[in-house]
Amino acid sequence: MVRANGAVSLRELARVVQTSEVTVRRDVRALEAEGLLDRRHGGAVLPGGFTRESGFPQKSHLATAEKTAIADLAAGLVEEGEAIVVGAGTTTQELARRLARVPGLTVVTNSLLVAQALAHANRVEVVMTGGTLRGSNYALVGSGAEQSLQGLRVSKAFLSGSGLTAERGLSTSNMLSASVDRALVQAAAEVVVLADHTKLGTDTMFQTVPTDLITRLVTDEPPAHDDRAATELQALADQGVQIAVAGASGSPGGDQVPARQQRRDVPLPGPRRSQVPGPGLRSATVLGAEQPTPTDRPRVADMRRR
């Protein structure tokens, strides 16, 4: 499974082999001793320090209950009439399905899956970037996507990725995807990262959002024995990231039970980034058709924590 997917979670392994996470963890330690994989908190990855990116079919079946709970909680952060950007990923796709019920919303995205989830929402306007289609995650990337985001200003950016650490922030395994995600960040006054517990402490090749630019992290409740995940969450909170935790549980056989949500916010220690709301995008149809003046573009200095 690790060779096929690049990374797996202990919960998923336990479900597939129909045993306990304790047993799976013991076997993972044995495989690591043989050099066949590297352990990560809550899971395992290919050996070598940096995980490679899994394809969409593999990602869509990993941590499904956790992603559902995260999306439910993140949707509560979006208000009626807002203009937001949503990046590519299976977790952001789940978020998009819930955003279809928010009236007056404008969503800018480079993800075909996000756009598809909102295609029949008659009260939501969808604005897509240009760019070249990347088939592995159904996202538009490249200079066309980045240029279409220039001059854009929205209230929030919702992003996912391959890994998240307090030291480097959010990262991904693909250079083109990382570059577009950085452009999405520049367009937003606030950055909300959606990452399940298996991504905490995982470091991948290309940094997309440094920790000091992350306003909030929405994640799931790590297993009680996962000290590393708890340590990583505390380190992120110490750096001023607001932490919102959604609890979810499921049976070893894979049957999901309704998500149990709880929210744990860690207040910011001080000003982090400009909170001036951006202009609305009510009449936007093609991104890049109308560009704001240069004074509307976000300043990097305003986005960094003082």
Foldseek 3Di string as FASTA:
>chain_A
DQVQFQKAFLLVVLQVVVHDSVVVVVVVVVCVVVVQWADDQRIIGGPDQATAHGFPVVQLPGPVQFLLLLLVVVLVVDAAQFEEEEEFDNSSLSNLLVVLPRANYEYEYQAPSSCVSNVPSPRYHYEYFAADADPRGRGHWDPRRLVLLPQAAGAEYEYEEQAAFLQFGGFHADPRSLVNLLSSLQRHQAYEYEDELRRYPHDHDGGRDGLLLHAEYEYEDRPPPRVSSVVRVVSSLVSFYWYFYWYFDDDSNGHGDDTHGDTHTRHGPDDRADNPGADGDSPDDYRPPDHDPPVRGHDPVRSGGD
